[in-house]
Amino acid sequence: MLTPCPRCDDPRTEKSSDSPIPGVWEVYRCTRCNYVWRSSEKLSGVHKYDQALVDRVTPWWPQLVRKKRG
């Protein structure tokens, strides 16, 4: 059974790959926020995903990523 995403708590995660040595670790990916982690990682310090912040910043993306011309 897969665990929920440690970043956004969404249950839609998928196993992406296995370690070269079978059974040592697996790599998982969240299908919502695209966070990727290894099963052997300590996940207690993961910064939580804040959808409200994303919603506030998204309208400003064009101004934030505009290239400087000079």
Protein backbone atom coordinates (compact mmCIF):
# COMPACT_ATOMS: atom_id res chain seq x y z
CA MET A 1 0.00 0.00 0.00
CA LEU A 2 1.30 3.44 -0.91
CA THR A 3 1.46 6.20 1.65
CA PRO A 4 -0.04 9.67 1.13
CA CYS A 5 2.26 12.39 -0.18
CA PRO A 6 4.39 13.83 2.64
CA ARG A 7 4.15 17.28 1.03
CA CYS A 8 0.45 17.73 0.21
CA ASP A 9 -1.14 14.69 1.95
CA ASP A 10 -2.85 13.59 -1.27
CA PRO A 11 -3.39 9.81 -1.43
CA ARG A 12 -2.73 9.65 -5.19
CA THR A 13 0.88 8.53 -5.19
CA GLU A 14 2.63 6.07 -7.45
CA LYS A 15 5.77 4.00 -7.31
CA SER A 16 8.24 5.32 -9.89
CA SER A 17 11.21 3.01 -9.56
CA ASP A 18 13.18 0.57 -7.42
CA SER A 19 16.75 0.63 -6.15
CA PRO A 20 19.43 -1.15 -8.17
CA ILE A 21 19.74 -3.58 -5.25
CA PRO A 22 16.28 -5.11 -4.86
CA GLY A 23 14.39 -4.23 -1.68
CA VAL A 24 16.69 -1.43 -0.46
CA TRP A 25 14.42 1.51 -1.40
CA GLU A 26 11.69 2.60 -3.81
CA VAL A 27 11.00 5.99 -5.39
CA TYR A 28 7.48 7.42 -5.15
CA ARG A 29 5.84 10.39 -6.87
CA CYS A 30 2.74 12.39 -5.99
CA THR A 31 0.45 12.82 -8.99
CA ARG A 32 -0.95 16.09 -7.58
CA CYS A 33 2.11 18.17 -6.62
CA ASN A 34 4.84 16.10 -8.35
CA TYR A 35 6.85 15.72 -5.15
CA VAL A 36 9.28 12.79 -5.43
CA TRP A 37 10.78 10.91 -2.50
CA ARG A 38 12.64 7.73 -1.68
CA SER A 39 11.22 5.27 0.84
CA SER A 40 14.47 5.42 2.83
CA GLU A 41 14.25 9.21 3.38
CA LYS A 42 13.38 10.86 6.67
CA LEU A 43 10.19 12.76 5.79
CA SER A 44 9.54 14.63 9.02
CA GLY A 45 11.09 17.88 7.74
CA VAL A 46 9.21 18.10 4.42
CA HIS A 47 7.82 21.58 3.74
CA LYS A 48 4.05 21.26 3.31
CA TYR A 49 2.45 22.34 0.04
CA ASP A 50 0.25 25.42 0.42
CA GLN A 51 -2.39 25.55 -2.33
CA ALA A 52 -3.63 28.94 -1.09
CA LEU A 53 -0.17 30.43 -1.69
CA VAL A 54 -0.02 28.95 -5.18
CA ASP A 55 -3.45 30.38 -5.97
CA ARG A 56 -2.32 33.86 -4.83
CA VAL A 57 0.95 33.82 -6.79
CA THR A 58 -0.19 32.20 -10.05
CA PRO A 59 -1.77 35.36 -11.52
CA TRP A 60 1.61 37.10 -11.11
CA TRP A 61 3.70 34.41 -12.89
CA PRO A 62 4.11 36.43 -16.13
CA GLN A 63 5.62 39.37 -14.23
CA LEU A 64 7.77 37.13 -12.04
CA VAL A 65 9.35 35.16 -14.88
CA ARG A 66 9.64 37.96 -17.45
CA LYS A 67 13.17 38.17 -18.82
CA LYS A 68 15.09 41.38 -18.36
CA ARG A 69 15.96 43.10 -21.58
CA GLY A 70 18.97 45.22 -21.78
